[in-house]
Each structure stands twice: as C-alpha cells, then as structure tokens.
C-alpha cells in the first residue's frame, strides 16, 4: 500500500475488481503496518442468500493481537440480523439499495490492522468486491480506544434467563450499541414477545445500573414494534408472517462509558392476556409467569412474591418468560486491542 500504487493489475483496466472466496478459505482484505484509522468499509457479494451472509465471518485484529477484536457474520456486523438485506441508512451503517454493505464506524489502531473474511460454508462465493478506506500515520493519544464487535446467538434461549447481548468485558471503554434479531417461536401463537427489559451492568456488579422498561421502548417506540429506520434507533425487519424481527439501538447521543467492565443483557419476556397464557400452560408450552397487570389502575401483581395469584386471576395482562431464537451484535470501544471478553462459566 503506497501512494500512486493502486489498481495496477491489467495496466489499470479493471483487472482485479473482485475476488472469489472458496469454502473454508480466509481472505485477507487488509494487512497494514503502522498507525491509522479505518474510516469506511464497503463490500458487496454476489451470493446474498441468508445462508451465505450468515456463513461469511468478518474478523478485525488491531496491533498484532492474536484474537479478533471484531468477529461477526457479515450480514449481522453490517447492521441487520438473520442474513437479510433491505435498503436503509442510520448513523453507523447503510445499504443504499439492499445489496451492499457500508460501515462508517471509526476504527483506530497504533501499530497495525488486519481485516479478514472467512467462508465457513460449503459453497463457493464467486464474487467479493470491497474497499477499506483509512487514514495513515495518525498520532493517537493515550485516551484513544479500540473498536470491538461481538456476535452471539441462542437458539432457543434458556427459559427464565436473560439473553446476553454483550458478554462481560474487562477494562475501560464505551458501549456503542447493538443490533438484535429474534425469531419468535410459533408455539406462543400471536403472544407478544417484546416485554423484556434491557439491563446494563457495570464493573461486574450483579445488579444493573441501567434498566429499561421493554424491548420496543429500548429502541424508542412503544406499544408494539413495526418497521422504522431512524438515525440511532430502528426496526429494519418486522415480519410477523416470517416470524422475524431485526432492530438496533446506538448510544451515540446518550453514551454509556465504563471504567471497570460492562455487560449488557435483555430479558426474554413476553406477554399476553391471562386467558391466553393459561391456555398455553395447558398445552405444556414452556413459560414462567412473572407479573399480572389488571389494567384497572390497581397495583401490578408480582408473581415472584405471590405465585398463587396467577391461579386466581381471571383477567389482565400477564408477562412471562419464554423461549425464542435470539442473536445480537454488540459494538463497543475498549482500552485494549485484545478481545476483552471474560470467559463464561
């Protein structure tokens, strides 16, 4: 990589515009020595099936680290879960016509950067087009943080437990936000899946410092969740027929900083009227009731303290733990180029 040295294949006449990525192959997209900041990543691929977009793995390494700071399926990293693409633009990502990938998150490094793409499928990807734009010879101060992204999935989640969006990380940094995907289980019919509260725990504390009031509330809407795309919050997929939702929340205007670790999770709680919940229980559908709202202004019944109230209740809204397919990509900055995830026990 040098000044005046780009595009020389075939005497500059579009001689190497794309690369194939064979099954099991890892393609190095960038290997740069020195200081700098990646400013933009653009890609497109010929096979944009959900199977391929979930099998292509993007990894980024900073300053010679042996573990990737960024590791996620291609489609999920670029802002939408489930390997689906739609036209959209928000503060960090865009896809102008539903067939490309753009990321505008600044990614600084001090000694080097390496970006790879692995084809973990059994299918040849004939066409990968990409470019990575960076500033070089950047003098980063001591407070400059390294960009990280972590992806995880539970299919299904464990009943009665939160789905962890960002596993516990060590060190100081900033939680930049996340995109999430859920495939609500058909076992629960039309029962609402999105009553779970997002919880942010700091410094290894068992209880959260930040706590929301519901899934759609976290992304800025309310009373259910349809498709909308805003600068820092949105729902890119709201497809009840396909039983798929994908949504995002970026903490740009409301930053979340931490100096001794962070963990982010969402409760896997849904809700329905009490009669519907009792009918689900009669069918042995896995669930665990937690509260009943009578809807009359009377206090909410907390079933942890009063479990017998569920049997007595004849009307009202019942929230309950449930099991669905969840996935999430968490974006953050850390003070170390190494993967800072604490091993789960």
Protein backbone atom coordinates (compact mmCIF):
# COMPACT_ATOMS: atom_id res chain seq x y z
CA UNK A 1 0.00 0.00 0.00
CA UNK A 2 1.75 3.10 -1.22
CA UNK A 3 0.96 6.44 -2.81
CA UNK A 4 0.33 6.07 -6.54
CA UNK A 5 0.26 2.28 -6.39
CA UNK A 6 -3.45 1.40 -6.63
CA UNK A 7 -5.23 -0.56 -9.36
CA UNK A 8 -2.18 -1.59 -11.41
CA UNK A 9 -3.40 -5.06 -12.46
CA UNK A 10 -4.09 -5.32 -16.23
CA UNK A 11 -2.45 -1.90 -16.74
CA UNK A 12 -5.16 -0.32 -14.60
CA UNK A 13 -8.05 -1.58 -16.77
CA UNK A 14 -10.27 -3.15 -14.07
CA UNK A 15 -8.04 -6.20 -13.83
CA UNK A 16 -8.89 -7.34 -10.30
CA UNK A 17 -12.18 -5.78 -9.22
CA UNK A 18 -13.31 -8.84 -7.25
CA UNK A 19 -12.02 -11.96 -5.55
CA UNK A 20 -13.58 -15.42 -5.09
CA UNK A 21 -13.73 -16.89 -1.59
CA UNK A 22 -13.66 -20.68 -1.60
CA UNK A 23 -15.30 -22.89 1.05
CA UNK A 24 -13.10 -22.90 4.14
CA UNK A 25 -10.91 -20.07 2.81
CA UNK A 26 -9.93 -16.99 4.79
CA UNK A 27 -9.28 -13.97 2.59
CA UNK A 28 -7.11 -11.13 3.95
CA UNK A 29 -8.72 -7.83 2.99
CA UNK A 30 -6.29 -5.53 4.78
CA UNK A 31 -2.87 -6.06 6.33
CA UNK A 32 -1.37 -2.70 7.26
CA UNK A 33 1.64 -1.88 9.43
CA UNK A 34 1.75 1.46 11.21
CA UNK A 35 -0.74 3.77 12.88
CA UNK A 36 -4.03 4.82 11.37
CA UNK A 37 -7.82 4.82 11.48
CA UNK A 38 -10.20 2.85 9.28
CA UNK A 39 -12.89 5.36 8.28
CA UNK A 40 -15.14 3.32 6.00
CA UNK A 41 -15.63 -0.28 4.90
CA UNK A 42 -17.67 -1.07 1.79
CA UNK A 43 -18.46 -4.54 0.42
CA UNK A 44 -20.82 -6.40 -1.82
CA UNK A 45 -21.07 -10.09 -2.66
CA UNK A 46 -22.74 -11.96 -5.49
CA UNK A 47 -24.46 -14.50 -3.23
CA UNK A 48 -26.58 -12.60 -0.74
CA UNK A 49 -28.64 -15.53 0.48
CA UNK A 50 -29.22 -15.65 4.22
CA UNK A 51 -27.20 -18.88 4.35
CA UNK A 52 -24.16 -17.22 2.79
CA UNK A 53 -24.41 -13.96 4.75
CA UNK A 54 -24.52 -15.91 7.99
CA UNK A 55 -21.60 -18.14 6.92
CA UNK A 56 -19.20 -15.35 5.95
CA UNK A 57 -17.25 -14.29 9.07
CA UNK A 58 -15.66 -10.84 9.32
CA UNK A 59 -12.69 -10.54 11.71
CA UNK A 60 -10.57 -7.48 12.56
CA UNK A 61 -7.30 -7.52 14.51
CA UNK A 62 -5.52 -4.48 15.95
CA UNK A 63 -1.83 -4.01 16.79
CA UNK A 64 -0.83 -7.62 16.23
CA UNK A 65 -3.41 -9.11 18.59
CA UNK A 66 -3.90 -12.85 18.26
CA UNK A 67 -7.64 -12.76 18.95
CA UNK A 68 -10.00 -10.68 16.80
CA UNK A 69 -11.47 -7.51 18.28
CA UNK A 70 -14.27 -7.75 15.71
CA UNK A 71 -15.82 -11.14 14.97
CA UNK A 72 -19.30 -11.48 13.46
CA UNK A 73 -21.20 -12.89 10.49
CA UNK A 74 -21.01 -10.44 7.59
CA UNK A 75 -24.70 -9.54 7.43
CA UNK A 76 -25.05 -9.17 11.19
CA UNK A 77 -21.98 -6.96 11.51
CA UNK A 78 -23.33 -4.56 8.90
CA UNK A 79 -26.46 -3.84 10.91
CA UNK A 80 -29.18 -6.40 10.15
CA UNK A 81 -29.69 -9.85 11.68
CA UNK A 82 -30.90 -13.08 10.06
CA UNK A 83 -28.82 -12.65 6.89
CA UNK A 84 -31.44 -10.38 5.35
CA UNK A 85 -30.83 -7.13 3.46
CA UNK A 86 -33.06 -4.13 2.91
CA UNK A 87 -32.31 -0.54 1.85
CA UNK A 88 -31.55 1.51 4.95
CA UNK A 89 -29.28 4.17 6.42
CA UNK A 90 -28.52 5.03 10.02
CA UNK A 91 -25.70 6.75 11.88
CA UNK A 92 -23.24 3.84 11.59
CA UNK A 93 -24.28 1.67 8.63
CA UNK A 94 -26.06 1.85 5.29
CA UNK A 95 -27.24 -0.30 2.41
CA UNK A 96 -28.49 2.08 -0.30
CA UNK A 97 -30.40 -0.46 -2.41
CA UNK A 98 -30.47 -3.61 -0.31
CA UNK A 99 -27.45 -5.29 -1.91
CA UNK A 100 -24.31 -3.78 -0.35
CA UNK A 101 -22.61 -3.16 3.00
CA UNK A 102 -21.27 0.14 4.35
CA UNK A 103 -19.79 0.83 7.79
CA UNK A 104 -18.71 4.30 8.93
CA UNK A 105 -17.51 3.49 12.47
CA UNK A 106 -14.00 4.91 13.12
CA UNK A 107 -11.56 2.09 13.92
CA UNK A 108 -8.22 3.42 15.22
CA UNK A 109 -5.02 1.41 15.63
CA UNK A 110 -1.47 2.23 16.70
CA UNK A 111 0.82 -0.45 15.22
CA UNK A 112 -1.21 -2.27 12.60
CA UNK A 113 -4.56 -3.52 11.34
CA UNK A 114 -5.60 -6.79 9.75
CA UNK A 115 -9.08 -7.50 8.34
CA UNK A 116 -10.13 -10.95 7.11
CA UNK A 117 -13.23 -12.60 5.67
CA UNK A 118 -13.75 -16.35 6.09
CA UNK A 119 -16.16 -18.51 4.11
CA UNK A 120 -17.43 -21.04 6.65
CA UNK A 121 -19.99 -22.51 4.24
CA UNK A 122 -19.57 -25.39 1.80
CA UNK A 123 -20.40 -23.13 -1.15
CA UNK A 124 -18.07 -21.10 -3.36
CA UNK A 125 -18.53 -17.33 -3.18
CA UNK A 126 -17.51 -16.34 -6.74
CA UNK A 127 -17.63 -12.56 -6.28
CA UNK A 128 -16.41 -10.46 -3.37
CA UNK A 129 -15.99 -6.74 -4.05
CA UNK A 130 -14.65 -4.49 -1.29
CA UNK A 131 -12.68 -1.45 -0.33
CA UNK A 132 -11.39 -0.28 3.03
CA UNK A 133 -10.61 3.42 3.42
CA UNK A 134 -8.18 4.53 6.12
CA UNK A 135 -6.12 7.44 7.31
CA UNK A 136 -2.44 6.61 7.85
CA UNK A 137 0.24 7.96 10.19
CA UNK A 138 -2.32 9.08 12.76
CA UNK A 139 -0.88 10.11 16.13
CA UNK A 140 -3.35 8.55 18.58
CA UNK A 141 -3.37 9.95 22.09
CA UNK A 142 -3.37 7.78 25.23
CA UNK A 143 -7.16 8.03 25.55
CA UNK A 144 -7.87 6.57 22.09
CA UNK A 145 -9.88 3.35 22.34
CA UNK A 146 -10.03 0.32 20.06
CA UNK A 147 -13.23 -0.69 18.27
CA UNK A 148 -14.70 -4.12 19.04
CA UNK A 149 -17.76 -6.07 17.90
CA UNK A 150 -19.04 -9.33 19.38
CA UNK A 151 -21.77 -11.58 17.98
CA UNK A 152 -23.63 -14.33 19.77
CA UNK A 153 -26.83 -16.36 19.42
CA UNK A 154 -29.07 -18.67 21.47
CA UNK A 155 -31.47 -20.89 19.55
CA UNK A 156 -33.52 -21.06 21.69
CA UNK A 157 -32.67 -19.08 24.81
CA UNK A 158 -32.76 -20.73 28.23
CA UNK A 159 -36.17 -20.36 29.87
CA UNK A 160 -36.10 -17.88 32.74
CA UNK A 161 -32.71 -16.37 31.86
CA UNK A 162 -31.71 -13.16 30.13
CA UNK A 163 -30.18 -13.25 26.68
CA UNK A 164 -26.72 -11.72 26.92
CA UNK A 165 -26.12 -9.08 24.23
CA UNK A 166 -22.61 -8.14 25.34
CA UNK A 167 -20.86 -10.76 27.49
CA UNK A 168 -18.87 -9.31 30.36
CA UNK A 169 -15.78 -7.43 29.20
CA UNK A 170 -12.78 -6.27 31.20
CA UNK A 171 -11.26 -2.82 31.18
CA UNK A 172 -12.46 0.67 30.34
CA UNK A 173 -14.41 1.74 27.31
CA UNK A 174 -17.73 2.67 25.80
CA UNK A 175 -20.76 0.57 24.84
CA UNK A 176 -21.65 1.94 21.42
CA UNK A 177 -24.86 -0.04 20.92
CA UNK A 178 -26.19 -3.19 19.31
CA UNK A 179 -28.37 -4.76 16.69
CA UNK A 180 -30.59 -7.65 17.68
CA UNK A 181 -32.60 -10.33 15.94
CA UNK A 182 -35.39 -12.56 17.16
CA UNK A 183 -37.39 -15.33 15.58
CA UNK A 184 -40.43 -15.65 17.87
CA UNK A 185 -41.40 -19.27 18.40
CA UNK A 186 -44.65 -20.33 16.75
CA UNK A 187 -45.53 -22.25 19.94
CA UNK A 188 -46.71 -18.99 21.52
CA UNK A 189 -49.04 -18.05 18.67
CA UNK A 190 -49.59 -14.30 18.43
CA UNK A 191 -48.49 -13.59 22.01
CA UNK A 192 -46.22 -10.53 22.20
CA UNK A 193 -42.54 -11.40 22.62
CA UNK A 194 -41.10 -7.98 23.46
CA UNK A 195 -41.67 -7.27 27.15
CA UNK A 196 -38.03 -7.85 28.11
CA UNK A 197 -36.05 -5.06 29.75
CA UNK A 198 -32.50 -4.23 28.59
CA UNK A 199 -30.08 -4.18 31.52
CA UNK A 200 -26.56 -2.72 31.64
CA UNK A 201 -24.26 -3.93 34.42
CA UNK A 202 -21.05 -2.08 35.18
CA UNK A 203 -17.91 -3.24 36.96
CA UNK A 204 -19.02 -6.82 37.46
CA UNK A 205 -21.97 -5.79 39.65
CA UNK A 206 -24.69 -8.48 39.85
CA UNK A 207 -27.46 -5.87 39.55
CA UNK A 208 -27.84 -3.39 36.68
CA UNK A 209 -27.00 0.30 36.76
CA UNK A 210 -29.23 0.99 33.73
CA UNK A 211 -32.58 -0.73 33.19
CA UNK A 212 -35.22 -0.20 30.51
CA UNK A 213 -38.95 -0.96 30.52
CA UNK A 214 -39.44 -3.13 27.42
CA UNK A 215 -37.94 -4.19 24.13
CA UNK A 216 -39.71 -1.70 21.87
CA UNK A 217 -39.13 1.00 24.47
CA UNK A 218 -35.36 0.44 24.22
CA UNK A 219 -35.41 1.36 20.52
CA UNK A 220 -37.55 4.43 21.12
CA UNK A 221 -41.03 3.26 20.08
CA UNK A 222 -43.92 1.89 22.16
CA UNK A 223 -46.96 -0.37 22.29
CA UNK A 224 -45.56 -2.94 19.88
CA UNK A 225 -42.89 -2.78 17.22
CA UNK A 226 -43.25 -2.16 13.49
CA UNK A 227 -40.70 -1.27 10.85
CA UNK A 228 -38.97 2.12 11.14
CA UNK A 229 -35.44 3.37 10.49
CA UNK A 230 -34.03 6.34 12.41
CA UNK A 231 -30.52 7.68 12.90
CA UNK A 232 -29.74 5.85 16.17
CA UNK A 233 -32.71 3.53 16.66
CA UNK A 234 -34.94 1.45 14.46
CA UNK A 235 -36.51 -1.82 13.42
CA UNK A 236 -35.27 -2.87 9.99
CA UNK A 237 -37.34 -6.07 9.84
CA UNK A 238 -40.82 -6.51 11.31
CA UNK A 239 -42.19 -9.58 9.55
CA UNK A 240 -44.84 -11.42 11.59
CA UNK A 241 -45.59 -13.82 8.71
CA UNK A 242 -41.96 -14.96 8.55
CA UNK A 243 -41.65 -14.66 12.34
CA UNK A 244 -38.56 -12.44 12.08
CA UNK A 245 -37.65 -9.11 13.66
CA UNK A 246 -34.37 -7.19 13.49
CA UNK A 247 -33.76 -3.94 15.35
CA UNK A 248 -30.96 -1.68 16.60
CA UNK A 249 -30.07 0.95 19.17
CA UNK A 250 -26.90 3.07 19.12
CA UNK A 251 -25.81 5.03 22.19
CA UNK A 252 -24.36 8.00 20.34
CA UNK A 253 -26.33 10.86 21.89
CA UNK A 254 -26.63 9.04 25.24
CA UNK A 255 -23.16 7.47 25.60
CA UNK A 256 -22.54 4.61 28.01
CA UNK A 257 -18.99 4.74 29.39
CA UNK A 258 -17.42 2.26 31.79
CA UNK A 259 -14.07 2.12 33.56
CA UNK A 260 -14.03 -1.38 35.07
CA UNK A 261 -16.01 -3.67 32.79
CA UNK A 262 -19.50 -3.93 31.32
CA UNK A 263 -22.21 -6.47 30.49
CA UNK A 264 -25.47 -5.93 28.58
CA UNK A 265 -28.45 -8.29 28.51
CA UNK A 266 -32.15 -8.38 27.65
CA UNK A 267 -34.87 -10.30 29.45
CA UNK A 268 -36.54 -12.98 27.33
CA UNK A 269 -40.02 -12.00 28.48
CA UNK A 270 -43.25 -11.72 26.50
CA UNK A 271 -46.87 -11.11 27.38
CA UNK A 272 -50.50 -11.85 26.60
CA UNK A 273 -53.90 -11.73 28.27
CA UNK A 274 -54.21 -14.06 31.23
CA UNK A 275 -56.62 -16.44 29.48
CA UNK A 276 -54.19 -16.94 26.59
CA UNK A 277 -51.31 -17.58 28.97
CA UNK A 278 -53.30 -20.19 30.88
CA UNK A 279 -54.20 -21.85 27.57
CA UNK A 280 -50.51 -22.02 26.66
CA UNK A 281 -49.74 -23.67 30.01
CA UNK A 282 -52.49 -26.24 29.42
CA UNK A 283 -50.70 -27.13 26.15
CA UNK A 284 -47.38 -27.52 28.05
CA UNK A 285 -45.77 -24.62 26.18
CA UNK A 286 -42.61 -23.60 28.11
CA UNK A 287 -43.18 -20.37 30.04
CA UNK A 288 -42.96 -18.90 33.52
CA UNK A 289 -45.40 -16.11 34.53
CA UNK A 290 -43.87 -13.11 36.33
CA UNK A 291 -46.47 -10.32 36.64
CA UNK A 292 -50.15 -9.56 36.09
CA UNK A 293 -51.40 -6.08 35.23
CA UNK A 294 -55.16 -5.88 35.95
CA UNK A 295 -55.43 -2.83 33.67
CA UNK A 296 -57.70 -1.04 36.12
CA UNK A 297 -55.17 1.16 37.83
CA UNK A 298 -54.75 -1.37 40.62
CA UNK A 299 -51.19 -2.38 41.53
CA UNK A 300 -49.38 -4.94 39.40
CA UNK A 301 -49.26 -8.39 40.96
CA UNK A 302 -45.68 -9.64 41.23
CA UNK A 303 -45.93 -13.40 40.99
CA UNK A 304 -42.48 -13.98 42.49
CA UNK A 305 -43.94 -12.75 45.80
CA UNK A 306 -47.48 -14.05 45.27
CA UNK A 307 -47.45 -17.09 42.93
CA UNK A 308 -50.96 -18.23 43.90
CA UNK A 309 -52.39 -15.04 42.38
CA UNK A 310 -51.89 -16.46 38.90
CA UNK A 311 -54.41 -19.24 39.52
CA UNK A 312 -56.96 -16.78 40.93
CA UNK A 313 -56.58 -14.20 38.15
CA UNK A 314 -59.37 -14.12 35.55
CA UNK A 315 -58.40 -11.07 33.52
CA UNK A 316 -55.48 -8.77 32.95
CA UNK A 317 -52.17 -8.76 31.10
CA UNK A 318 -49.63 -11.41 32.10
CA UNK A 319 -45.90 -11.09 31.42
CA UNK A 320 -43.97 -14.37 31.24
CA UNK A 321 -40.54 -15.80 30.48
CA UNK A 322 -40.49 -17.58 27.12
CA UNK A 323 -38.12 -19.28 24.65
CA UNK A 324 -37.28 -17.91 21.21
CA UNK A 325 -34.32 -17.73 18.85
CA UNK A 326 -32.15 -14.68 19.66
CA UNK A 327 -29.00 -13.20 18.17
CA UNK A 328 -27.12 -9.94 18.73
CA UNK A 329 -24.11 -7.98 17.58
CA UNK A 330 -22.70 -5.64 20.23
CA UNK A 331 -20.49 -2.69 19.24
CA UNK A 332 -18.09 -1.12 21.72
CA UNK A 333 -14.74 0.57 22.27
CA UNK A 334 -12.15 -0.85 24.69
CA UNK A 335 -8.80 0.34 26.01
CA UNK A 336 -7.11 -2.83 24.74
CA UNK A 337 -6.76 -4.24 21.20
CA UNK A 338 -7.20 -7.74 22.60
CA UNK A 339 -10.58 -9.39 22.87
CA UNK A 340 -11.68 -8.38 26.36
CA UNK A 341 -14.49 -10.92 26.81
CA UNK A 342 -14.46 -12.67 30.16
CA UNK A 343 -14.80 -16.46 29.68
CA UNK A 344 -18.27 -17.63 30.71
CA UNK A 345 -18.50 -20.21 33.49
